[in-house]
Amino acid sequence: MLSADFLLDTTMQDQDPMAIIKELRLRIDQEIESFFNECIPKNLDNIGKSVSKLITEFTLSGGKRLRPIFVIMGYRLFRNADERIFRAAISIELAQSYLLIHDDIMDQSETRRGKPSLYVRARSLVNAEPEIVNRVSQNIAIIAGDLADALAHKALLTSGLEAENLIRANLLLSDIIETTGYGQLIDIDSAYNKNFKQNDLFRMHIYKTAKYTIEGPLMLGAILSGTNENLAPLSYYGSLLGTAFQVYDDILGLFGKEDETGKSVKSDVNEGKKTLLMLKAMEKSDEKDRAFILKCLNSGNISDMDFDRLKKIVVDTGSYDYSLKIVKSMSDKAIEYLSMINGDKQVKDFLKGLAYYVIDRKN
């Protein structure tokens, strides 16, 4: 098992950020597996054991592990790493499982990371009349998400770090989940809100994505380190990069390759998501194309022909280039804030490299 020594100055120096991510991803997966083996009660009945297994498999089935890596690096900015931070860091990955399990139910998405969503997997546990299997499996998945949320706090609070820092970090973890919930409400409203604009979209991204993807995890790690440094620049870095991450994610969602992204390129359109690509395309389109875009977003099952036309409109209106420009502008500004952070230089260099990775990835 990779030890915390990997994150000390002498071993991080001159290493490619992607190599560090690869090593940390393996270590985080080991920690997640170890946590489930240790912390899931052994006296559960069959349904409890089965659902716990589903949560374990769902959490371990892919994922870039960027969120726990950001927790580790937020800690490592101000304090040398030790084994305890790995256990604390997986709390954000368990929180993500909670959010994704519920998100897939709301979106009626049958796949996640190229594999069945948890509520789809849960159908195998339901021995009931065919007409109620889907509803019961969704009920099971909702409870599985709730359990993942509880386990997230358990992972953090049993990490062995200083009690005062853990209390502050646990409050922040609750705040991250709460803020993400408000962002999800904006997302749900956006599909029906005819006045939904770019500023509303960015507020949603800050609440729903930036908070729990980058800014929150970094701040979680920094708080766990016990630092007294000014954390505002770190927060700004995370918020800007997290928003850029989501805008770029939406670009991949429409123009990426399904075998790399792990989901259908049509899924965002079929879910009616008003991404920056869609909003800017509607703003720059004539009345006919604007009506066509709205029709596509309301279709629920866009045809191949309409999908190709929609992508062409996005490109022809300049929406695609505009979105890429926004991504670069936000990531550049995020990197500027890194220079204002009074923390470990090698970690700051890593975070700079990670900023480039976030906006130049394939999935």
Protein backbone atom coordinates (compact mmCIF):
# COMPACT_ATOMS: atom_id res chain seq x y z
CA MET A 1 0.00 0.00 0.00
CA LEU A 2 1.27 3.46 -0.93
CA SER A 3 2.21 5.36 2.22
CA ALA A 4 1.94 9.03 3.08
CA ASP A 5 5.69 9.31 2.43
CA PHE A 6 4.79 9.59 -1.24
CA LEU A 7 3.47 13.07 -0.50
CA LEU A 8 6.56 14.39 1.25
CA ASP A 9 8.72 17.03 -0.44
CA THR A 10 11.47 14.63 -1.41
CA THR A 11 9.14 12.35 -3.35
CA MET A 12 6.77 14.90 -4.94
CA GLN A 13 9.58 16.92 -6.44
CA ASP A 14 9.66 17.02 -10.26
CA GLN A 15 6.95 14.38 -10.60
CA ASP A 16 4.34 14.63 -13.34
CA PRO A 17 0.97 15.60 -11.78
CA MET A 18 -0.73 12.82 -13.73
CA ALA A 19 1.66 10.26 -12.23
CA ILE A 20 0.84 11.56 -8.75
CA ILE A 21 -2.89 11.37 -9.51
CA LYS A 22 -2.51 7.78 -10.68
CA GLU A 23 -0.67 6.75 -7.53
CA LEU A 24 -3.07 8.60 -5.26
CA ARG A 25 -6.08 7.09 -7.00
CA LEU A 26 -4.79 3.60 -6.18
CA ARG A 27 -4.14 4.58 -2.57
CA ILE A 28 -7.59 6.15 -2.22
CA ASP A 29 -9.28 3.05 -3.65
CA GLN A 30 -7.38 0.94 -1.11
CA GLU A 31 -8.58 3.24 1.67
CA ILE A 32 -12.21 3.09 0.50
CA GLU A 33 -12.11 -0.71 0.39
CA SER A 34 -10.46 -0.88 3.79
CA PHE A 35 -13.04 1.50 5.26
CA PHE A 36 -15.97 -0.57 4.03
CA ASN A 37 -14.38 -3.78 5.35
CA GLU A 38 -13.85 -2.20 8.77
CA CYS A 39 -16.94 -0.05 9.23
CA ILE A 40 -19.90 -1.89 7.72
CA PRO A 41 -21.61 -3.76 10.60
CA LYS A 42 -21.02 -7.51 10.45
CA ASN A 43 -24.42 -8.42 11.92
CA LEU A 44 -26.57 -6.97 9.14
CA ASP A 45 -29.39 -9.00 7.67
CA ASN A 46 -29.32 -10.07 4.02
CA ILE A 47 -30.83 -6.91 2.55
CA GLY A 48 -28.47 -4.73 4.60
CA LYS A 49 -25.46 -6.73 3.45
CA SER A 50 -26.62 -6.62 -0.16
CA VAL A 51 -27.17 -2.86 -0.16
CA SER A 52 -23.85 -2.26 1.59
CA LYS A 53 -22.20 -4.30 -1.14
CA LEU A 54 -23.94 -2.19 -3.79
CA ILE A 55 -22.67 1.03 -2.15
CA THR A 56 -19.14 -0.38 -2.00
CA GLU A 57 -19.19 -1.49 -5.64
CA PHE A 58 -20.74 1.80 -6.79
CA THR A 59 -18.15 3.88 -4.93
CA LEU A 60 -15.27 1.79 -6.28
CA SER A 61 -16.55 1.53 -9.86
CA GLY A 62 -14.47 4.16 -11.59
CA GLY A 63 -14.19 7.84 -10.91
CA LYS A 64 -11.16 10.10 -11.12
CA ARG A 65 -10.86 10.52 -7.32
CA LEU A 66 -10.11 14.21 -7.85
CA ARG A 67 -12.19 15.23 -4.83
CA PRO A 68 -10.24 13.23 -2.22
CA ILE A 69 -7.02 14.22 -4.00
CA PHE A 70 -7.99 17.87 -3.50
CA VAL A 71 -8.62 17.16 0.21
CA ILE A 72 -5.16 15.62 0.50
CA MET A 73 -3.53 18.51 -1.34
CA GLY A 74 -5.41 21.12 0.71
CA TYR A 75 -3.94 19.43 3.79
CA ARG A 76 -0.52 19.00 2.22
CA LEU A 77 -0.33 22.72 1.35
CA PHE A 78 0.15 23.52 5.01
CA ARG A 79 1.26 20.30 6.72
CA ASN A 80 3.15 17.11 5.87
CA ALA A 81 0.80 14.25 5.11
CA ASP A 82 0.30 11.23 7.32
CA GLU A 83 -1.90 8.16 7.00
CA ARG A 84 -4.87 9.80 8.72
CA ILE A 85 -5.55 12.23 5.88
CA PHE A 86 -6.29 9.36 3.48
CA ARG A 87 -9.14 8.15 5.71
CA ALA A 88 -10.46 11.69 6.12
CA ALA A 89 -10.21 12.34 2.37
CA ILE A 90 -12.50 9.47 1.35
CA SER A 91 -15.35 11.22 3.17
CA ILE A 92 -15.86 13.46 0.14
CA GLU A 93 -15.91 10.44 -2.19
CA LEU A 94 -18.61 8.81 -0.07
CA ALA A 95 -20.53 12.09 -0.10
CA GLN A 96 -20.24 12.04 -3.87
CA SER A 97 -21.68 8.53 -3.97
CA TYR A 98 -24.65 9.80 -1.96
CA LEU A 99 -25.20 12.69 -4.36
CA LEU A 100 -24.74 10.63 -7.52
CA ILE A 101 -27.04 7.82 -6.38
CA HIS A 102 -29.85 10.32 -5.83
CA ASP A 103 -28.96 12.30 -8.97
CA ASP A 104 -29.36 9.23 -11.17
CA ILE A 105 -32.82 8.62 -9.76
CA MET A 106 -33.86 12.22 -10.42
CA ASP A 107 -32.45 12.15 -13.96
CA GLN A 108 -33.70 8.59 -14.59
CA SER A 109 -30.20 7.84 -15.82
CA GLU A 110 -29.59 4.11 -16.09
CA THR A 111 -25.80 4.36 -16.38
CA ARG A 112 -23.02 5.97 -14.39
CA ARG A 113 -19.37 5.85 -15.46
CA GLY A 114 -20.35 3.43 -18.20
CA LYS A 115 -21.93 0.99 -15.72
CA PRO A 116 -25.47 0.53 -14.35
CA SER A 117 -26.68 3.17 -11.89
CA LEU A 118 -27.20 1.95 -8.36
CA TYR A 119 -30.99 1.92 -8.64
CA VAL A 120 -30.64 -0.27 -11.74
CA ARG A 121 -28.32 -2.63 -9.88
CA ALA A 122 -30.80 -2.72 -7.00
CA ARG A 123 -33.43 -4.33 -9.25
CA SER A 124 -31.68 -7.65 -8.71
CA LEU A 125 -32.58 -7.42 -5.01
CA VAL A 126 -36.31 -6.98 -5.63
CA ASN A 127 -38.46 -10.09 -5.68
CA ALA A 128 -41.80 -8.51 -6.45
CA GLU A 129 -44.38 -7.99 -9.19
CA PRO A 130 -42.75 -6.59 -12.35
CA GLU A 131 -44.82 -3.40 -12.28
CA ILE A 132 -43.36 -2.30 -8.93
CA VAL A 133 -39.74 -3.49 -9.30
CA ASN A 134 -38.47 -0.14 -10.58
CA ARG A 135 -40.18 1.86 -7.83
CA VAL A 136 -38.89 -0.46 -5.10
CA SER A 137 -35.36 -0.43 -6.54
CA GLN A 138 -35.42 3.38 -6.49
CA ASN A 139 -36.56 3.32 -2.86
CA ILE A 140 -33.64 1.03 -2.04
CA ALA A 141 -31.26 3.39 -3.87
CA ILE A 142 -32.55 6.43 -1.95
CA ILE A 143 -31.76 4.64 1.31
CA ALA A 144 -28.37 3.56 -0.08
CA GLY A 145 -27.62 7.22 -0.79
CA ASP A 146 -28.63 8.16 2.76
CA LEU A 147 -26.32 5.45 4.10
CA ALA A 148 -23.44 6.74 1.96
CA ASP A 149 -23.98 10.20 3.45
CA ALA A 150 -23.79 8.80 6.99
CA LEU A 151 -20.67 6.82 6.08
CA ALA A 152 -19.04 9.98 4.72
CA HIS A 153 -19.24 11.64 8.13
CA LYS A 154 -18.12 8.43 9.83
CA ALA A 155 -15.01 8.22 7.63
CA LEU A 156 -14.08 11.79 8.49
CA LEU A 157 -14.75 11.60 12.22
CA THR A 158 -12.91 8.27 12.70
CA SER A 159 -9.78 9.40 10.84
CA GLY A 160 -7.89 10.10 14.05
CA LEU A 161 -7.04 13.73 13.28
CA GLU A 162 -7.27 16.43 15.94
CA ALA A 163 -10.75 16.76 17.42
CA GLU A 164 -10.99 20.55 17.03
CA ASN A 165 -10.07 20.34 13.34
CA LEU A 166 -12.48 17.42 12.81
CA ILE A 167 -15.40 19.37 14.27
CA ARG A 168 -14.74 22.30 11.93
CA ALA A 169 -14.23 19.96 8.97
CA ASN A 170 -17.41 18.01 9.69
CA LEU A 171 -19.38 21.27 9.75
CA LEU A 172 -17.83 22.16 6.40
CA LEU A 173 -18.71 18.72 4.98
CA SER A 174 -22.33 19.31 5.99
CA ASP A 175 -22.18 22.77 4.41
CA ILE A 176 -20.78 21.29 1.18
CA ILE A 177 -23.65 18.80 0.96
CA GLU A 178 -26.22 21.47 1.86
CA THR A 179 -24.91 23.93 -0.74
CA THR A 180 -24.87 21.18 -3.38
CA GLY A 181 -28.53 20.52 -2.58
CA TYR A 182 -29.43 24.15 -3.23
CA GLY A 183 -27.52 23.93 -6.50
CA GLN A 184 -29.50 20.83 -7.42
CA LEU A 185 -32.73 22.75 -6.81
CA ILE A 186 -31.58 25.47 -9.22
CA ASP A 187 -30.77 22.72 -11.73
CA ILE A 188 -34.26 21.22 -11.44
CA ASP A 189 -35.86 24.65 -11.76
CA SER A 190 -33.75 25.55 -14.79
CA ALA A 191 -35.55 23.06 -17.03
CA TYR A 192 -38.85 24.91 -16.52
CA ASN A 193 -37.64 28.47 -15.86
CA LYS A 194 -38.00 30.43 -19.09
CA ASN A 195 -35.96 33.28 -17.63
CA PHE A 196 -32.96 31.10 -16.76
CA LYS A 197 -29.85 33.05 -17.80
CA GLN A 198 -26.06 32.72 -17.81
CA ASN A 199 -25.69 34.26 -14.33
CA ASP A 200 -28.18 31.72 -12.96
CA LEU A 201 -26.17 28.94 -14.60
CA PHE A 202 -22.90 30.09 -13.02
CA ARG A 203 -24.55 30.35 -9.61
CA MET A 204 -25.80 26.80 -10.06
CA HIS A 205 -22.30 25.62 -11.04
CA ILE A 206 -20.75 27.32 -8.00
CA TYR A 207 -23.32 25.73 -5.69
CA LYS A 208 -23.70 22.34 -7.30
CA THR A 209 -20.25 21.57 -8.70
CA ALA A 210 -17.48 23.92 -7.56
CA LYS A 211 -18.36 23.61 -3.88
CA TYR A 212 -18.13 19.83 -3.65
CA THR A 213 -15.70 19.14 -6.49
CA ILE A 214 -12.78 21.47 -5.86
CA GLU A 215 -13.31 24.43 -3.51
CA GLY A 216 -14.93 22.43 -0.71
CA PRO A 217 -12.44 19.53 -0.75
CA LEU A 218 -9.45 21.91 -0.76
CA MET A 219 -10.87 23.87 2.15
CA LEU A 220 -11.69 20.62 3.95
CA GLY A 221 -8.05 19.54 3.72
CA ALA A 222 -6.77 22.96 4.76
CA ILE A 223 -9.03 23.01 7.83
CA LEU A 224 -7.90 19.50 8.77
CA SER A 225 -4.28 20.72 8.62
CA GLY A 226 -5.03 23.22 11.38
CA THR A 227 -3.45 26.10 9.46
CA ASN A 228 -3.99 29.73 10.46
CA GLU A 229 -3.14 31.01 6.97
CA ASN A 230 -5.56 33.17 4.98
CA LEU A 231 -7.60 30.66 2.98
CA ALA A 232 -9.51 33.14 0.79
CA PRO A 233 -7.19 32.74 -2.25
CA LEU A 234 -7.51 28.95 -1.98
CA SER A 235 -11.30 29.29 -1.91
CA TYR A 236 -11.26 31.55 -4.99
CA TYR A 237 -8.99 29.13 -6.84
CA GLY A 238 -11.33 26.25 -6.09
CA SER A 239 -14.51 28.12 -6.95
CA LEU A 240 -13.21 29.38 -10.29
CA LEU A 241 -11.65 26.07 -11.29
CA GLY A 242 -14.74 24.16 -10.17
CA THR A 243 -16.95 26.31 -12.38
CA ALA A 244 -14.54 25.87 -15.30
CA PHE A 245 -14.61 22.12 -14.62
CA GLN A 246 -18.39 22.01 -15.00
CA VAL A 247 -18.52 24.15 -18.14
CA TYR A 248 -15.88 21.92 -19.70
CA ASP A 249 -17.78 18.85 -18.49
CA ASP A 250 -20.84 20.12 -20.38
CA ILE A 251 -18.70 20.56 -23.50
CA LEU A 252 -17.54 16.95 -23.18
CA GLY A 253 -21.14 15.94 -22.57
CA LEU A 254 -22.10 17.17 -26.05
CA PHE A 255 -18.89 16.77 -28.06
CA GLY A 256 -16.97 14.07 -26.19
CA LYS A 257 -16.63 10.39 -27.05
CA GLU A 258 -18.94 8.02 -25.24
CA ASP A 259 -16.24 5.39 -24.71
CA GLU A 260 -14.18 8.05 -22.89
CA THR A 261 -16.88 9.94 -20.98
CA GLY A 262 -18.78 6.82 -19.91
CA LYS A 263 -22.18 8.28 -20.76
CA SER A 264 -24.31 9.00 -23.82
CA VAL A 265 -23.50 12.26 -25.60
CA LYS A 266 -27.24 12.76 -25.85
CA SER A 267 -27.91 12.43 -22.11
CA ASP A 268 -27.59 16.14 -21.23
CA VAL A 269 -29.91 17.11 -24.08
CA ASN A 270 -32.39 14.34 -23.25
CA GLU A 271 -32.41 15.56 -19.64
CA GLY A 272 -33.18 19.09 -20.87
CA LYS A 273 -30.06 20.64 -19.36
CA LYS A 274 -29.63 24.32 -20.14
CA THR A 275 -25.85 24.33 -20.31
CA LEU A 276 -23.78 27.34 -21.31
CA LEU A 277 -23.59 25.80 -24.78
CA MET A 278 -27.39 25.81 -25.06
CA LEU A 279 -27.96 29.23 -23.47
CA LYS A 280 -25.41 31.00 -25.67
CA ALA A 281 -26.61 29.19 -28.78
CA MET A 282 -30.20 30.29 -28.08
CA GLU A 283 -29.04 33.85 -27.45
CA LYS A 284 -27.21 33.99 -30.79
CA SER A 285 -29.79 32.05 -32.85
CA ASP A 286 -32.66 33.30 -34.94
CA GLU A 287 -36.21 32.52 -33.85
CA LYS A 288 -36.39 29.31 -35.87
CA ASP A 289 -33.18 27.79 -34.47
CA ARG A 290 -34.05 28.97 -30.97
CA ALA A 291 -37.35 27.11 -31.16
CA PHE A 292 -35.49 24.06 -32.48
CA ILE A 293 -33.07 24.08 -29.54
CA LEU A 294 -35.95 24.27 -27.06
CA LYS A 295 -37.70 21.44 -28.88
CA CYS A 296 -34.58 19.30 -28.57
CA LEU A 297 -34.25 20.06 -24.85
CA ASN A 298 -37.89 19.12 -24.28
CA SER A 299 -37.86 16.00 -26.45
CA GLY A 300 -36.55 13.52 -23.88
CA ASN A 301 -35.21 11.35 -26.69
CA ILE A 302 -33.48 13.35 -29.43
CA SER A 303 -32.99 11.69 -32.82
CA ASP A 304 -29.55 11.33 -34.42
CA MET A 305 -30.48 13.80 -37.15
CA ASP A 306 -31.70 16.46 -34.72
CA PHE A 307 -28.67 15.89 -32.50
CA ASP A 308 -26.28 16.53 -35.38
CA ARG A 309 -28.19 19.69 -36.32
CA LEU A 310 -28.14 20.87 -32.69
CA LYS A 311 -24.35 20.47 -32.47
CA LYS A 312 -23.95 22.38 -35.74
CA ILE A 313 -26.02 25.28 -34.37
CA VAL A 314 -23.87 25.34 -31.23
CA VAL A 315 -20.73 25.58 -33.36
CA ASP A 316 -22.11 28.00 -35.97
CA THR A 317 -23.43 30.48 -33.38
CA GLY A 318 -20.01 30.65 -31.73
CA SER A 319 -21.37 29.09 -28.53
CA TYR A 320 -18.77 26.32 -28.59
CA ASP A 321 -15.84 28.76 -28.90
CA TYR A 322 -17.40 31.09 -26.32
CA SER A 323 -17.70 28.26 -23.80
CA LEU A 324 -14.09 27.22 -24.32
CA LYS A 325 -13.04 30.86 -23.84
CA ILE A 326 -14.93 31.02 -20.54
CA VAL A 327 -13.23 27.81 -19.39
CA LYS A 328 -9.78 29.18 -20.17
CA SER A 329 -10.48 32.58 -18.62
CA MET A 330 -11.69 31.04 -15.35
CA SER A 331 -8.84 28.55 -15.16
CA ASP A 332 -6.26 31.29 -15.84
CA LYS A 333 -7.76 33.42 -13.07
CA ALA A 334 -7.75 30.42 -10.73
CA ILE A 335 -4.04 29.94 -11.39
CA GLU A 336 -3.45 33.61 -10.54
CA TYR A 337 -4.94 33.04 -7.10
CA LEU A 338 -2.52 30.16 -6.51
CA SER A 339 0.35 32.64 -6.40
CA MET A 340 -1.35 34.40 -3.47
CA ILE A 341 -1.46 31.26 -1.32
CA ASN A 342 1.21 31.02 1.38
CA GLY A 343 1.68 27.27 1.18
CA ASP A 344 4.00 24.53 -0.05
CA LYS A 345 5.45 25.44 -3.46
CA GLN A 346 5.42 21.88 -4.82
CA VAL A 347 1.78 21.44 -3.94
CA LYS A 348 0.99 24.76 -5.60
CA ASP A 349 2.83 23.57 -8.71
CA PHE A 350 0.79 20.37 -8.61
CA LEU A 351 -2.46 22.35 -8.30
CA LYS A 352 -1.39 24.47 -11.26
CA GLY A 353 -0.81 21.32 -13.31
CA LEU A 354 -4.14 19.97 -12.15
CA ALA A 355 -5.84 23.13 -13.38
CA TYR A 356 -4.57 22.41 -16.87
CA TYR A 357 -5.68 18.78 -16.57
CA VAL A 358 -9.21 19.72 -15.50
CA ILE A 359 -9.77 21.73 -18.70
CA ASP A 360 -7.93 19.40 -21.09
CA ARG A 361 -9.31 16.01 -20.12
CA LYS A 362 -11.26 13.46 -22.13
CA ASN A 363 -13.70 12.38 -19.41
